[in-house]
Amino acid sequence: MAETIVLTRYADVLEAYRNKDFQQSLYDAGEVVMADVLVTLHGDAHRARRRLENRLFRRDIHLQYERALFPAVIEDTVRPFVAEGRADLVHLGHHLMMNLAALTAGVDRPLGTPDETSRLYRYLMKFIEGATLGHSTRPKAEVEAEVRSAIADFDTEFLDPSIARRRALITRLAAGEITEDELPRDILTVLLRNQDNLALPPDVVTREIAFFLLAGAHTSATAFGRCLHAIWEWIADHPDDEGLVTSDRLFVQRCVHETIRLNPSSPTGMRRALVDARLRSGTEIHVGDTVVFDLISANRDPDVFGPDAADFNPHRQLPEGVGPYGLSFGSGMHACIGQELAAGLVPDLERDGGFDDHLFGLATVAVQKLFDHGARPDPARPPVMDANTRRPYWASYGVVFTS
């Protein structure tokens, strides 16, 4: 009889992540959005899709996004909130990361109006509900119906026009009227140029774009808000570090990494064993067993992260080969494809030759932008947790801007 095996130690989780015979099963309940998208595929289908989409997640493209494209989007998104002097951090974070994720996913924003942003935001939030359906406190059938309706409306309003524009550009490229550099650098363009090779039906293309939109926006927005909260608490206890949030982007990046380690976007990973396996620790796993990765525990393993592993410490020293964000981005064949885009590279300025080519990650750039505007918690509007999910998300978090 199949059992559920829970892994809590860093070494066990890392080994299991790298086992190619353990199949992704975390999103089984969220198939309304997640069926046949990159993160749920396995074997040859996963390798083919990943190999194709990896073309977009190259370091030179990441740097172009971070240095040339993201700053203007971040400033345009934040400006109205700063002008008003206050914001809901949850709302702002999702709007900001959604606008950035739309660039990489390939969802056009032809109007660029606040109303258009709000409509796309409503779709995004509904996609998130679908993907995390297994953690919802609402009736499953009710949520699924709402998500299917949202996907259909998103298709009509945003995705169909985005597809039409890219198909026209691809046709012009084939005719020699434009160059390769004039094509959008996004997931949708990559999929459309290879749709026949991968035998991708339209509904899978829709879900793949919805997945990249929600994954890029939701996970980054969650890290964005949690990092700001963690830094405010750290500065309260370590006032000598206050100046670093505006003068030292590496410090901010370390804060982002430490936040992601302590608060992975998904607190668990989940795999289904396709073969019998025995971990080096002696744990026996049999065909059909569900293997749950307790990332909260693994990322706070004192054998790896030290006796204060459960504490936020941006000055933490780590063992060689251990990522500062723990296993929050996974490992092995399903390691997050957008890891470097979101969190940047682990800094080694001596090796990399300075800051010129260092990738800080969009979360770092966005967090520092809020500190540049003097963001502080609003004492009149304390944070409120979201009661519609068992995951630890805020429903609202008031902030004010002082500059």
Protein backbone atom coordinates (compact mmCIF):
# COMPACT_ATOMS: atom_id res chain seq x y z
CA MET A 1 0.00 0.00 0.00
CA ALA A 2 1.35 3.42 -1.01
CA GLU A 3 2.53 5.64 1.82
CA THR A 4 3.37 9.31 2.29
CA ILE A 5 7.00 9.90 3.18
CA VAL A 6 7.87 13.32 4.61
CA LEU A 7 11.48 14.48 4.23
CA THR A 8 12.68 17.23 6.55
CA ARG A 9 16.48 17.15 6.32
CA TYR A 10 18.27 19.28 3.72
CA ALA A 11 20.41 16.39 2.44
CA ASP A 12 17.40 14.07 1.98
CA VAL A 13 15.34 16.69 0.16
CA LEU A 14 18.25 17.60 -2.14
CA GLU A 15 18.82 13.94 -3.02
CA ALA A 16 15.12 13.34 -3.69
CA TYR A 17 14.83 16.47 -5.84
CA ARG A 18 17.60 15.11 -8.04
CA ASN A 19 16.02 11.67 -8.47
CA LYS A 20 14.68 11.58 -12.05
CA ASP A 21 12.29 8.76 -11.15
CA PHE A 22 10.31 10.92 -8.75
CA GLN A 23 7.48 12.60 -10.67
CA GLN A 24 6.10 16.07 -9.87
CA SER A 25 2.75 15.82 -8.09
CA LEU A 26 2.44 19.07 -6.14
CA TYR A 27 -0.09 20.56 -8.54
CA ASP A 28 -2.37 17.57 -9.12
CA ALA A 29 -5.31 19.39 -7.54
CA GLY A 30 -4.67 22.49 -9.68
CA GLU A 31 -4.94 20.90 -13.13
CA VAL A 32 -7.45 23.52 -14.24
CA VAL A 33 -4.42 25.81 -14.69
CA MET A 34 -1.44 23.50 -14.35
CA ALA A 35 -2.22 20.52 -16.63
CA ASP A 36 0.63 19.92 -19.12
CA VAL A 37 2.58 23.06 -18.22
CA LEU A 38 6.37 22.91 -17.86
CA VAL A 39 6.49 22.31 -14.12
CA THR A 40 4.09 19.34 -14.23
CA LEU A 41 5.60 17.53 -17.22
CA HIS A 42 7.90 14.54 -16.79
CA GLY A 43 10.48 12.66 -18.81
CA ASP A 44 10.90 13.35 -22.53
CA ALA A 45 8.01 15.85 -22.67
CA HIS A 46 9.57 17.90 -19.88
CA ARG A 47 13.05 17.80 -21.43
CA ALA A 48 11.76 18.98 -24.81
CA ARG A 49 9.74 21.86 -23.35
CA ARG A 50 12.51 22.89 -20.95
CA ARG A 51 15.19 22.78 -23.65
CA LEU A 52 13.06 25.05 -25.80
CA GLU A 53 12.17 27.58 -23.12
CA ASN A 54 15.71 27.68 -21.74
CA ARG A 55 16.58 29.80 -24.80
CA LEU A 56 14.83 32.71 -23.14
CA PHE A 57 16.43 32.22 -19.73
CA ARG A 58 20.00 33.05 -20.73
CA ARG A 59 22.18 35.39 -18.71
CA ASP A 60 22.51 37.99 -21.46
CA ILE A 61 18.72 38.17 -21.79
CA HIS A 62 18.33 38.39 -18.00
CA LEU A 63 20.73 41.34 -17.94
CA GLN A 64 18.78 43.04 -20.71
CA TYR A 65 15.58 42.65 -18.73
CA GLU A 66 17.16 43.82 -15.46
CA ARG A 67 19.12 46.78 -16.85
CA ALA A 68 17.05 47.96 -19.82
CA LEU A 69 13.42 46.81 -19.46
CA PHE A 70 12.51 46.29 -15.81
CA PRO A 71 13.55 49.69 -14.34
CA ALA A 72 11.05 51.66 -16.42
CA VAL A 73 8.25 49.18 -15.70
CA ILE A 74 9.00 49.29 -11.97
CA GLU A 75 9.06 53.10 -11.88
CA ASP A 76 5.83 53.41 -13.91
CA THR A 77 4.06 50.93 -11.60
CA VAL A 78 5.28 52.44 -8.34
CA ARG A 79 4.88 56.12 -9.26
CA PRO A 80 1.09 56.45 -8.71
CA PHE A 81 1.33 54.78 -5.30
CA VAL A 82 4.21 57.03 -4.27
CA ALA A 83 2.25 60.08 -5.43
CA GLU A 84 -0.65 59.00 -3.24
CA GLY A 85 1.75 58.49 -0.33
CA ARG A 86 0.51 55.03 0.60
CA ALA A 87 -0.25 51.58 -0.78
CA ASP A 88 -1.37 48.09 0.07
CA LEU A 89 1.88 46.14 -0.28
CA VAL A 90 0.05 42.98 -1.41
CA HIS A 91 -1.80 44.86 -4.14
CA LEU A 92 1.28 46.81 -5.19
CA GLY A 93 3.50 43.74 -5.20
CA HIS A 94 1.19 41.73 -7.42
CA HIS A 95 0.65 44.64 -9.82
CA LEU A 96 4.38 45.25 -10.04
CA MET A 97 5.45 41.65 -10.53
CA MET A 98 2.54 41.00 -12.87
CA ASN A 99 3.71 43.81 -15.15
CA LEU A 100 7.23 42.34 -15.13
CA ALA A 101 5.99 38.77 -15.64
CA ALA A 102 3.82 39.89 -18.57
CA LEU A 103 6.99 40.96 -20.37
CA THR A 104 8.66 37.58 -20.03
CA ALA A 105 5.49 35.54 -20.60
CA GLY A 106 4.47 37.48 -23.71
CA VAL A 107 1.19 39.08 -22.64
CA ASP A 108 0.84 42.40 -24.45
CA ARG A 109 -0.44 45.50 -22.68
CA PRO A 110 -1.48 47.70 -25.64
CA LEU A 111 -3.36 50.30 -23.60
CA GLY A 112 -1.12 50.50 -20.56
CA THR A 113 -3.96 52.02 -18.55
CA PRO A 114 -4.72 51.44 -14.85
CA ASP A 115 -8.02 49.81 -15.86
CA GLU A 116 -6.24 47.37 -18.17
CA THR A 117 -3.78 46.58 -15.37
CA SER A 118 -6.67 45.92 -12.98
CA ARG A 119 -8.34 43.53 -15.42
CA LEU A 120 -5.14 41.55 -15.96
CA TYR A 121 -4.61 41.54 -12.19
CA ARG A 122 -8.06 39.98 -11.64
CA TYR A 123 -7.20 37.21 -14.10
CA LEU A 124 -3.87 36.65 -12.38
CA MET A 125 -5.45 36.29 -8.94
CA LYS A 126 -7.94 33.77 -10.31
CA PHE A 127 -5.12 31.75 -11.93
CA ILE A 128 -3.35 31.70 -8.56
CA GLU A 129 -6.51 30.32 -6.95
CA GLY A 130 -6.58 27.56 -9.54
CA ALA A 131 -2.92 26.61 -9.19
CA THR A 132 -3.15 26.44 -5.38
CA LEU A 133 -6.55 24.75 -5.34
CA GLY A 134 -5.24 21.98 -3.09
CA HIS A 135 -4.77 24.57 -0.31
CA SER A 136 -8.04 26.43 -0.84
CA THR A 137 -10.66 26.61 1.88
CA ARG A 138 -13.43 27.17 -0.72
CA PRO A 139 -15.49 24.48 -2.54
CA LYS A 140 -13.31 22.98 -5.29
CA ALA A 141 -16.00 22.88 -8.01
CA GLU A 142 -16.86 26.52 -7.41
CA VAL A 143 -13.25 27.65 -7.75
CA GLU A 144 -12.67 25.50 -10.84
CA ALA A 145 -15.69 27.01 -12.61
CA GLU A 146 -14.48 30.53 -11.86
CA VAL A 147 -10.97 29.72 -13.09
CA ARG A 148 -12.20 28.18 -16.36
CA SER A 149 -14.30 31.27 -17.01
CA ALA A 150 -11.33 33.53 -16.26
CA ILE A 151 -9.06 31.55 -18.62
CA ALA A 152 -11.58 31.89 -21.46
CA ASP A 153 -11.93 35.65 -20.92
CA PHE A 154 -8.15 36.08 -20.61
CA ASP A 155 -7.73 34.23 -23.90
CA THR A 156 -10.11 36.58 -25.69
CA GLU A 157 -8.96 39.85 -24.15
CA PHE A 158 -5.19 39.42 -23.82
CA LEU A 159 -3.77 36.22 -25.28
CA ASP A 160 -5.46 36.07 -28.70
CA PRO A 161 -4.28 39.61 -29.66
CA SER A 162 -0.79 38.82 -28.31
CA ILE A 163 -0.66 35.67 -30.44
CA ALA A 164 -1.89 37.51 -33.54
CA ARG A 165 0.80 40.18 -33.22
CA ARG A 166 3.57 37.61 -32.83
CA ARG A 167 2.35 35.45 -35.70
CA ALA A 168 2.42 38.51 -37.94
CA LEU A 169 5.98 39.29 -36.85
CA ILE A 170 7.08 35.68 -37.37
CA THR A 171 5.63 35.82 -40.89
CA ARG A 172 7.52 39.05 -41.58
CA LEU A 173 10.72 37.45 -40.30
CA ALA A 174 10.27 34.51 -42.69
CA ALA A 175 9.77 36.99 -45.54
CA GLY A 176 12.99 38.81 -44.65
CA GLU A 177 11.18 42.03 -43.71
CA ILE A 178 12.50 42.14 -40.13
CA THR A 179 15.46 40.67 -38.26
CA GLU A 180 15.56 38.18 -35.40
CA ASP A 181 16.30 41.00 -32.96
CA GLU A 182 12.94 42.60 -33.77
CA LEU A 183 10.96 39.64 -32.43
CA PRO A 184 9.76 39.84 -28.81
CA ARG A 185 11.95 37.90 -26.39
CA ASP A 186 9.28 36.05 -24.45
CA ILE A 187 7.83 32.60 -23.80
CA LEU A 188 4.86 33.06 -26.13
CA THR A 189 7.08 33.83 -29.12
CA VAL A 190 9.25 30.80 -28.40
CA LEU A 191 6.19 28.54 -28.17
CA LEU A 192 4.58 29.86 -31.34
CA ARG A 193 7.76 29.37 -33.36
CA ASN A 194 7.95 25.74 -32.20
CA GLN A 195 4.29 24.86 -31.69
CA ASP A 196 4.23 22.24 -34.45
CA ASN A 197 7.45 20.55 -33.26
CA LEU A 198 6.05 20.15 -29.74
CA ALA A 199 2.49 19.36 -30.89
CA LEU A 200 1.11 21.99 -28.53
CA PRO A 201 -2.68 22.43 -28.75
CA PRO A 202 -4.00 25.95 -28.16
CA ASP A 203 -5.32 25.18 -24.67
CA VAL A 204 -1.86 24.06 -23.54
CA VAL A 205 -0.32 27.26 -24.93
CA THR A 206 -2.91 29.23 -22.94
CA ARG A 207 -2.16 27.37 -19.71
CA GLU A 208 1.61 27.65 -20.24
CA ILE A 209 1.37 31.43 -20.59
CA ALA A 210 -1.02 31.64 -17.62
CA PHE A 211 1.45 29.54 -15.62
CA PHE A 212 4.42 31.78 -16.44
CA LEU A 213 2.35 34.84 -15.65
CA LEU A 214 1.22 33.51 -12.26
CA ALA A 215 4.57 31.91 -11.40
CA GLY A 216 6.55 35.03 -12.23
CA ALA A 217 4.09 37.37 -10.58
CA HIS A 218 2.87 35.43 -7.55
CA THR A 219 6.13 33.92 -6.33
CA SER A 220 8.04 37.17 -6.84
CA ALA A 221 5.27 39.29 -5.28
CA THR A 222 5.24 37.01 -2.25
CA ALA A 223 9.02 37.24 -1.86
CA PHE A 224 8.89 41.00 -2.46
CA GLY A 225 6.44 41.65 0.37
CA ARG A 226 8.04 39.20 2.78
CA CYS A 227 11.50 40.65 2.14
CA LEU A 228 10.37 44.20 2.89
CA HIS A 229 8.73 42.97 6.10
CA ALA A 230 11.88 41.07 7.11
CA ILE A 231 14.15 44.04 6.43
CA TRP A 232 11.95 46.40 8.47
CA GLU A 233 12.13 43.97 11.38
CA TRP A 234 15.90 43.52 10.95
CA ILE A 235 16.54 47.28 10.90
CA ALA A 236 14.47 47.73 14.05
CA ASP A 237 16.89 45.37 15.83
CA HIS A 238 20.03 46.40 13.86
CA PRO A 239 19.74 50.15 13.21
CA ASP A 240 23.36 50.34 12.01
CA ASP A 241 22.26 48.47 8.85
CA GLU A 242 19.55 50.97 7.92
CA GLY A 243 21.72 52.85 5.43
CA LEU A 244 22.53 49.64 3.54
CA VAL A 245 19.03 49.35 2.08
CA THR A 246 19.68 52.34 -0.19
CA SER A 247 23.46 52.18 -0.56
CA ASP A 248 24.32 48.48 -0.89
CA ARG A 249 22.37 46.43 -3.40
CA LEU A 250 24.31 43.28 -2.45
CA PHE A 251 22.94 43.65 1.08
CA VAL A 252 19.41 43.89 -0.34
CA GLN A 253 20.05 40.82 -2.50
CA ARG A 254 21.23 38.88 0.55
CA CYS A 255 18.02 39.93 2.30
CA VAL A 256 16.01 38.62 -0.67
CA HIS A 257 17.87 35.30 -0.60
CA GLU A 258 17.45 34.93 3.16
CA THR A 259 13.73 35.72 2.85
CA ILE A 260 13.27 33.12 0.13
CA ARG A 261 15.16 30.54 2.22
CA LEU A 262 12.98 31.05 5.28
CA ASN A 263 9.72 31.50 3.35
CA PRO A 264 9.67 29.40 0.16
CA SER A 265 6.79 30.36 -2.10
CA SER A 266 5.56 26.80 -1.78
CA PRO A 267 6.35 25.48 1.72
CA THR A 268 6.33 21.92 0.39
CA GLY A 269 7.43 20.03 -2.69
CA MET A 270 5.78 16.79 -3.67
CA ARG A 271 6.79 13.85 -5.86
CA ARG A 272 5.35 10.43 -6.67
CA ALA A 273 7.87 7.58 -6.77
CA LEU A 274 7.96 5.69 -10.08
CA VAL A 275 10.55 3.20 -8.81
CA ASP A 276 11.74 1.86 -5.47
CA ALA A 277 14.52 3.99 -3.98
CA ARG A 278 16.69 4.13 -0.89
CA LEU A 279 18.14 7.47 0.17
CA ARG A 280 21.67 7.67 1.53
CA SER A 281 20.18 8.34 4.96
CA GLY A 282 18.51 4.91 4.81
CA THR A 283 14.96 6.13 4.13
CA GLU A 284 13.08 3.56 2.02
CA ILE A 285 10.70 4.78 -0.69
CA HIS A 286 8.55 2.42 -2.77
CA VAL A 287 6.75 2.68 -6.10
CA GLY A 288 3.59 4.73 -5.74
CA ASP A 289 4.66 6.44 -2.51
CA THR A 290 4.09 10.17 -2.23
CA VAL A 291 7.26 11.97 -1.17
CA VAL A 292 6.66 15.31 0.55
CA PHE A 293 9.53 17.77 0.85
CA ASP A 294 9.14 19.88 3.98
CA LEU A 295 11.04 22.91 2.65
CA ILE A 296 10.48 24.98 5.77
CA SER A 297 12.35 22.38 7.84
CA ALA A 298 14.98 21.57 5.19
CA ASN A 299 15.81 25.23 4.68
CA ARG A 300 16.23 25.66 8.44
CA ASP A 301 18.38 22.57 8.94
CA PRO A 302 20.96 23.61 11.59
CA ASP A 303 23.45 21.05 10.22
CA VAL A 304 23.62 23.19 7.07
CA PHE A 305 22.63 26.73 8.03
CA GLY A 306 23.98 26.85 11.59
CA PRO A 307 22.42 27.01 15.05
CA ASP A 308 20.46 30.17 14.15
CA ALA A 309 19.07 28.56 10.98
CA ALA A 310 15.50 29.60 11.84
CA ASP A 311 16.43 33.28 12.12
CA PHE A 312 16.63 35.95 9.42
CA ASN A 313 20.28 36.97 9.07
CA PRO A 314 21.43 38.64 5.83
CA HIS A 315 25.05 38.37 7.00
CA ARG A 316 24.87 34.56 7.26
CA GLN A 317 27.97 32.59 6.21
CA LEU A 318 27.17 29.41 4.29
CA PRO A 319 29.02 26.17 3.56
CA GLU A 320 30.55 25.76 0.12
CA GLY A 321 27.99 24.63 -2.46
CA VAL A 322 24.90 25.59 -0.47
CA GLY A 323 22.62 28.18 -2.09
CA PRO A 324 21.70 31.16 0.12
CA TYR A 325 18.03 30.56 -0.69
CA GLY A 326 18.18 26.93 0.39
CA LEU A 327 16.04 24.59 -1.72
CA SER A 328 13.22 27.08 -2.33
CA PHE A 329 13.84 26.99 -6.08
CA GLY A 330 14.05 23.21 -6.11
CA SER A 331 16.89 21.26 -7.67
CA GLY A 332 17.42 18.75 -10.42
CA MET A 333 15.35 18.69 -13.59
CA HIS A 334 12.51 20.73 -12.08
CA ALA A 335 14.67 23.48 -10.60
CA CYS A 336 12.88 26.78 -11.19
CA ILE A 337 13.61 27.97 -14.73
CA GLY A 338 13.26 31.61 -13.66
CA GLN A 339 15.52 31.37 -10.59
CA GLU A 340 18.26 33.69 -11.86
CA LEU A 341 15.78 36.16 -13.31
CA ALA A 342 13.98 36.44 -9.98
CA ALA A 343 16.83 36.22 -7.45
CA GLY A 344 19.92 36.90 -9.54
CA LEU A 345 23.25 35.17 -9.13
CA VAL A 346 25.05 34.31 -5.93
CA PRO A 347 27.62 37.12 -5.86
CA ASP A 348 31.29 36.40 -6.42
CA LEU A 349 32.61 39.78 -7.48
CA GLU A 350 36.23 38.61 -7.55
CA ARG A 351 35.28 35.87 -10.01
CA ASP A 352 32.80 37.98 -11.97
CA GLY A 353 35.02 41.06 -12.20
CA GLY A 354 32.79 43.53 -10.35
CA PHE A 355 29.24 44.78 -10.66
CA ASP A 356 29.06 45.38 -14.42
CA ASP A 357 27.71 41.94 -15.27
CA HIS A 358 26.31 40.94 -11.88
CA LEU A 359 22.68 39.87 -11.96
CA PHE A 360 20.85 41.03 -8.82
CA GLY A 361 17.41 39.69 -9.77
CA LEU A 362 14.13 41.52 -10.24
CA ALA A 363 13.09 41.02 -6.60
CA THR A 364 16.21 42.86 -5.41
CA VAL A 365 15.73 45.71 -7.88
CA ALA A 366 12.06 46.08 -6.91
CA VAL A 367 12.69 45.95 -3.14
CA GLN A 368 15.39 48.59 -3.36
CA LYS A 369 13.11 50.84 -5.42
CA LEU A 370 10.61 50.93 -2.55
CA PHE A 371 13.34 51.80 -0.06
CA ASP A 372 14.51 54.55 -2.42
CA HIS A 373 11.01 56.01 -1.99
CA GLY A 374 11.18 55.71 1.82
CA ALA A 375 8.63 52.91 2.16
CA ARG A 376 7.62 52.12 5.76
CA PRO A 377 4.83 50.05 7.36
CA ASP A 378 1.65 52.05 7.88
CA PRO A 379 0.87 51.92 11.63
CA ALA A 380 -2.77 52.74 10.85
CA ARG A 381 -3.15 49.65 8.63
CA PRO A 382 -1.35 46.65 10.16
CA PRO A 383 -0.94 43.44 8.10
CA VAL A 384 -3.88 41.02 7.81
CA MET A 385 -3.47 37.34 6.89
CA ASP A 386 -5.45 35.76 4.03
CA ALA A 387 -8.20 33.51 5.45
CA ASN A 388 -9.01 31.90 2.06
CA THR A 389 -5.92 29.70 1.99
CA ARG A 390 -3.97 27.58 4.43
CA ARG A 391 -0.75 29.04 3.07
CA PRO A 392 0.78 31.95 5.04
CA TYR A 393 -0.09 34.85 2.72
CA TRP A 394 -1.07 38.38 3.66
CA ALA A 395 -4.46 39.63 2.51
CA SER A 396 -3.34 43.24 3.02
CA TYR A 397 -0.30 45.12 4.31
CA GLY A 398 -0.40 48.91 4.57
CA VAL A 399 2.71 50.94 3.70
CA VAL A 400 3.45 54.66 3.44
CA PHE A 401 6.07 56.50 1.39
CA THR A 402 8.16 59.23 2.95
CA SER A 403 10.14 60.43 -0.07
